[in-house]
Amino acid sequence: MKIALIGYGKMGKEIEQTALSRGHEIVCIIDVNNQEDFQSEEFRSADVAIEFTNPTVAYGNYLKTFAAGVKLVSGSTGWMSEHGEEIKRMCAQEGKTLFWASNFSLGVTIFSAVNKYLAQIMNNFSEYDVTMSETHHIHKLDAPSGTAITLAEGVIENLERKNKWVKEEEKHTTSELPIESIREGEVFGLHSIRYDSTADSITITHDAKNRKGFALGAVLAAEYTKNHQGYLGMDDLFPFLKQIKN
């Protein structure tokens, strides 16, 4: 498979090594200094582009990729609230393809399913209140993380006593789910969901040790995306997620 990379930081380099190890070809690498290559023949020849950048440029990268007629896999977060509906419409009505996930880690995918199932169980035990925390490296621009927001939405969909998430430092009511965001060091990603009562506590945690799991998930998503169309996500790649009732 021919892959183009958009963003060539630490994550882009990890994806490159994973893709090559699985027998794929990197035909184009686009970073901040060669944006004109979105219009190159090399970029247009890609079966799929994989994009990991930041909230300020992701949306523009999507439009450039769509204009080149290339399918896209992206793990960039922080753009969804402003541009999400437009991108979904382009995929549904204009034949564009985006596979998006807030986190491509296989472990986080499993963790997300466990999170939803636990929320379904805890819906029956109102004596437990739920909070969340997420820790990332100091370079991460968005807070809460896209993964934390996705996990929070999984709780809210399955726990009737919570109707929205808020940042932990904001004033919140008992019907809101607070998310604490911590930025320190070079932490790859640490997410915890805690159910607390006066009698005891239940906590589930995912702790990323490196970028390898994210890179493998992104390449697996690209392999899937090559033969599929539309607005895609981890539920499409891993059917077991659909077995957890939303």
Protein backbone atom coordinates (compact mmCIF):
# COMPACT_ATOMS: atom_id res chain seq x y z
CA MET A 1 0.00 0.00 0.00
CA LYS A 2 1.21 3.53 -0.80
CA ILE A 3 1.06 5.84 2.23
CA ALA A 4 1.59 9.60 2.51
CA LEU A 5 2.50 11.08 5.89
CA ILE A 6 1.23 14.50 6.98
CA GLY A 7 3.22 15.65 10.00
CA TYR A 8 6.71 14.31 10.58
CA GLY A 9 7.26 14.74 14.28
CA LYS A 10 7.82 11.92 16.75
CA MET A 11 4.48 10.32 15.91
CA GLY A 12 5.00 10.60 12.16
CA LYS A 13 8.40 8.94 12.39
CA GLU A 14 6.96 6.11 14.52
CA ILE A 15 4.18 5.55 11.96
CA GLU A 16 6.75 5.50 9.17
CA GLN A 17 8.73 2.71 10.84
CA THR A 18 5.59 0.69 11.59
CA ALA A 19 4.28 1.07 8.02
CA LEU A 20 7.61 0.01 6.50
CA SER A 21 7.80 -3.01 8.82
CA ARG A 22 4.39 -4.13 7.50
CA GLY A 23 5.55 -3.93 3.88
CA HIS A 24 4.03 -0.57 2.91
CA GLU A 25 5.66 2.21 0.89
CA ILE A 26 5.95 5.82 2.02
CA VAL A 27 5.48 7.87 -1.16
CA CYS A 28 5.32 11.39 0.31
CA ILE A 29 6.08 13.15 3.59
CA ILE A 30 4.54 16.58 4.19
CA ASP A 31 5.59 18.81 7.06
CA VAL A 32 5.53 22.56 7.75
CA ASN A 33 8.22 23.41 5.19
CA ASN A 34 6.79 21.68 2.08
CA GLN A 35 3.06 22.36 2.07
CA GLU A 36 3.15 22.67 -1.74
CA ASP A 37 3.59 18.88 -1.89
CA PHE A 38 -0.14 18.46 -1.24
CA GLN A 39 -0.40 19.15 -4.99
CA SER A 40 2.40 16.78 -6.02
CA GLU A 41 1.96 13.63 -8.07
CA GLU A 42 3.61 11.66 -5.27
CA PHE A 43 0.95 12.74 -2.80
CA ARG A 44 -1.86 12.09 -5.26
CA SER A 45 -0.53 8.57 -5.85
CA ALA A 46 -1.07 7.58 -2.20
CA ASP A 47 -3.77 5.05 -1.37
CA VAL A 48 -4.15 6.64 2.07
CA ALA A 49 -2.60 9.61 3.90
CA ILE A 50 -2.00 9.46 7.66
CA GLU A 51 -2.19 12.81 9.48
CA PHE A 52 -0.97 13.57 13.00
CA THR A 53 -0.51 17.30 13.52
CA ASN A 54 -2.32 19.76 15.81
CA PRO A 55 -5.71 21.51 16.18
CA THR A 56 -4.61 24.68 14.36
CA VAL A 57 -3.77 23.01 11.04
CA ALA A 58 -5.68 19.71 10.97
CA TYR A 59 -8.83 21.03 9.29
CA GLY A 60 -6.82 22.68 6.51
CA ASN A 61 -4.88 19.46 5.99
CA TYR A 62 -8.17 17.58 5.60
CA LEU A 63 -9.38 19.95 2.88
CA LYS A 64 -6.08 19.74 0.98
CA THR A 65 -6.10 15.95 1.18
CA PHE A 66 -9.70 15.72 -0.01
CA ALA A 67 -8.92 18.11 -2.89
CA ALA A 68 -6.12 15.76 -3.99
CA GLY A 69 -8.55 12.83 -4.03
CA VAL A 70 -6.69 10.94 -1.30
CA LYS A 71 -8.32 9.01 1.55
CA LEU A 72 -7.27 10.13 5.02
CA VAL A 73 -6.57 8.67 8.46
CA SER A 74 -6.16 11.27 11.23
CA GLY A 75 -5.47 11.29 14.94
CA SER A 76 -5.45 15.07 15.33
CA THR A 77 -7.82 16.38 17.99
CA GLY A 78 -9.24 19.77 18.97
CA TRP A 79 -10.96 20.52 15.62
CA MET A 80 -14.15 18.51 15.99
CA SER A 81 -16.39 21.06 17.74
CA GLU A 82 -15.87 23.69 15.04
CA HIS A 83 -15.58 21.60 11.88
CA GLY A 84 -16.91 18.14 12.75
CA GLU A 85 -20.32 18.43 11.11
CA GLU A 86 -18.85 19.86 7.90
CA ILE A 87 -16.30 17.05 7.58
CA LYS A 88 -18.95 14.40 8.24
CA ARG A 89 -21.18 16.00 5.58
CA MET A 90 -18.34 15.94 3.05
CA CYS A 91 -17.83 12.24 3.73
CA ALA A 92 -21.55 11.44 3.51
CA GLN A 93 -22.48 13.62 0.53
CA GLU A 94 -19.30 14.32 -1.44
CA GLY A 95 -17.60 10.93 -1.43
CA LYS A 96 -14.69 11.96 0.81
CA THR A 97 -13.13 9.51 3.25
CA LEU A 98 -11.81 10.21 6.74
CA PHE A 99 -10.98 7.60 9.36
CA TRP A 100 -10.76 9.61 12.57
CA ALA A 101 -10.08 8.53 16.14
CA SER A 102 -9.08 10.51 19.18
CA ASN A 103 -6.73 7.65 20.03
CA PHE A 104 -5.49 4.80 17.84
CA SER A 105 -3.99 2.71 20.63
CA LEU A 106 -5.35 -0.83 20.62
CA GLY A 107 -5.24 -0.76 24.42
CA VAL A 108 -7.30 2.43 24.55
CA THR A 109 -9.83 0.85 22.18
CA ILE A 110 -10.30 -2.02 24.63
CA PHE A 111 -10.28 0.43 27.56
CA SER A 112 -13.04 2.45 25.89
CA ALA A 113 -15.23 -0.64 25.61
CA VAL A 114 -14.61 -1.51 29.27
CA ASN A 115 -15.42 2.10 30.21
CA LYS A 116 -18.82 1.97 28.50
CA TYR A 117 -19.68 -1.39 30.02
CA LEU A 118 -18.67 -0.26 33.51
CA ALA A 119 -20.84 2.86 33.13
CA GLN A 120 -23.81 0.65 32.23
CA ILE A 121 -23.25 -1.32 35.44
CA MET A 122 -22.74 1.78 37.59
CA ASN A 123 -25.97 3.26 36.27
CA ASN A 124 -27.63 0.99 38.84
CA PHE A 125 -25.57 2.29 41.78
CA SER A 126 -26.27 5.98 42.37
CA GLU A 127 -24.14 6.08 45.53
CA TYR A 128 -21.03 6.21 43.32
CA ASP A 129 -19.96 9.50 41.75
CA VAL A 130 -17.63 9.49 38.76
CA THR A 131 -14.65 11.71 37.91
CA MET A 132 -11.92 11.55 35.26
CA SER A 133 -8.31 12.61 34.94
CA GLU A 134 -5.89 12.67 32.03
CA THR A 135 -2.15 13.39 31.95
CA HIS A 136 -0.09 14.20 28.84
CA HIS A 137 3.26 15.72 27.89
CA ILE A 138 3.74 19.47 28.12
CA HIS A 139 3.67 19.88 24.32
CA LYS A 140 0.02 18.86 23.97
CA LEU A 141 -2.08 21.87 23.01
CA ASP A 142 -5.66 20.75 23.71
CA ALA A 143 -7.14 20.04 27.12
CA PRO A 144 -8.98 17.89 27.91
CA SER A 145 -7.43 15.45 25.48
CA GLY A 146 -9.53 14.11 22.63
CA THR A 147 -9.29 10.67 24.21
CA ALA A 148 -10.60 11.99 27.54
CA ILE A 149 -13.55 13.64 25.78
CA THR A 150 -14.34 10.39 23.92
CA LEU A 151 -14.18 8.43 27.19
CA ALA A 152 -16.36 11.03 28.94
CA GLU A 153 -18.95 10.78 26.18
CA GLY A 154 -18.91 7.00 26.64
CA VAL A 155 -19.75 7.49 30.31
CA ILE A 156 -22.46 10.07 29.65
CA GLU A 157 -24.16 7.86 27.04
CA ASN A 158 -24.48 5.06 29.58
CA LEU A 159 -24.82 6.80 32.95
CA GLU A 160 -28.18 8.56 33.28
CA ARG A 161 -27.13 10.81 36.18
CA LYS A 162 -24.47 12.59 34.08
CA ASN A 163 -25.48 14.81 31.16
CA LYS A 164 -22.29 16.65 30.15
CA TRP A 165 -18.56 16.86 30.84
CA VAL A 166 -16.76 19.96 32.15
CA LYS A 167 -13.19 20.90 32.92
CA GLU A 168 -12.36 20.03 36.51
CA GLU A 169 -11.40 23.60 37.40
CA GLU A 170 -14.80 24.90 36.30
CA LYS A 171 -17.73 25.10 38.69
CA HIS A 172 -19.87 22.02 38.14
CA THR A 173 -23.05 20.38 39.33
CA THR A 174 -23.69 16.77 40.35
CA SER A 175 -25.06 16.04 36.87
CA GLU A 176 -21.77 17.05 35.20
CA LEU A 177 -18.66 14.91 34.79
CA PRO A 178 -15.45 16.79 35.67
CA ILE A 179 -12.22 16.04 33.77
CA GLU A 180 -8.90 16.99 35.34
CA SER A 181 -6.14 17.73 32.79
CA ILE A 182 -2.48 17.58 33.81
CA ARG A 183 0.45 18.54 31.56
CA GLU A 184 3.86 17.38 32.74
CA GLY A 185 7.10 15.95 31.40
CA GLU A 186 6.94 13.67 28.38
CA VAL A 187 3.97 11.52 29.46
CA PHE A 188 2.58 9.62 26.45
CA GLY A 189 -0.95 9.42 27.85
CA LEU A 190 -2.53 8.42 31.15
CA HIS A 191 -6.34 8.25 31.49
CA SER A 192 -8.26 7.24 34.61
CA ILE A 193 -11.98 6.97 35.39
CA ARG A 194 -12.86 6.78 39.09
CA TYR A 195 -16.15 5.82 40.74
CA ASP A 196 -16.16 6.89 44.37
CA SER A 197 -18.57 6.23 47.24
CA THR A 198 -18.33 6.66 50.99
CA ALA A 199 -17.57 2.93 51.25
CA ASP A 200 -14.99 2.36 48.50
CA SER A 201 -13.67 3.37 45.09
CA ILE A 202 -13.37 1.70 41.69
CA THR A 203 -10.77 3.03 39.25
CA ILE A 204 -9.86 1.91 35.73
CA THR A 205 -6.71 3.28 34.08
CA HIS A 206 -4.91 3.13 30.76
CA ASP A 207 -1.21 4.07 30.78
CA ALA A 208 0.58 4.35 27.42
CA LYS A 209 4.25 3.31 27.69
CA ASN A 210 5.33 4.59 24.26
CA ARG A 211 4.01 5.54 20.82
CA LYS A 212 4.19 2.06 19.28
CA GLY A 213 0.58 1.16 20.06
CA PHE A 214 -0.71 4.41 18.54
CA ALA A 215 1.39 3.91 15.39
CA LEU A 216 0.24 0.33 14.86
CA GLY A 217 -3.40 1.34 15.27
CA ALA A 218 -3.00 4.15 12.72
CA VAL A 219 -1.45 1.82 10.14
CA LEU A 220 -4.16 -0.81 10.73
CA ALA A 221 -6.73 1.95 10.19
CA ALA A 222 -5.01 2.91 6.92
CA GLU A 223 -5.13 -0.70 5.74
CA TYR A 224 -8.86 -0.74 6.47
CA THR A 225 -9.50 2.68 4.93
CA LYS A 226 -7.91 1.74 1.60
CA ASN A 227 -10.96 -0.43 0.82
CA HIS A 228 -13.71 1.59 2.53
CA GLN A 229 -15.38 4.96 2.10
CA GLY A 230 -17.03 7.59 4.27
CA TYR A 231 -16.58 8.82 7.83
CA LEU A 232 -14.95 5.89 9.61
CA GLY A 233 -13.80 5.13 13.14
CA MET A 234 -12.54 2.48 15.51
CA ASP A 235 -16.03 0.94 15.71
CA ASP A 236 -15.62 0.02 12.03
CA LEU A 237 -12.13 -1.41 12.45
CA PHE A 238 -12.99 -3.41 15.57
CA PRO A 239 -16.57 -4.79 15.41
CA PHE A 240 -16.45 -5.94 19.05
CA LEU A 241 -16.93 -2.29 20.06
CA LYS A 242 -20.42 -2.35 18.57
CA GLN A 243 -21.35 -5.13 20.97
CA ILE A 244 -21.16 -2.59 23.81
CA LYS A 245 -24.55 -0.88 23.75
CA ASN A 246 -24.36 2.92 23.56
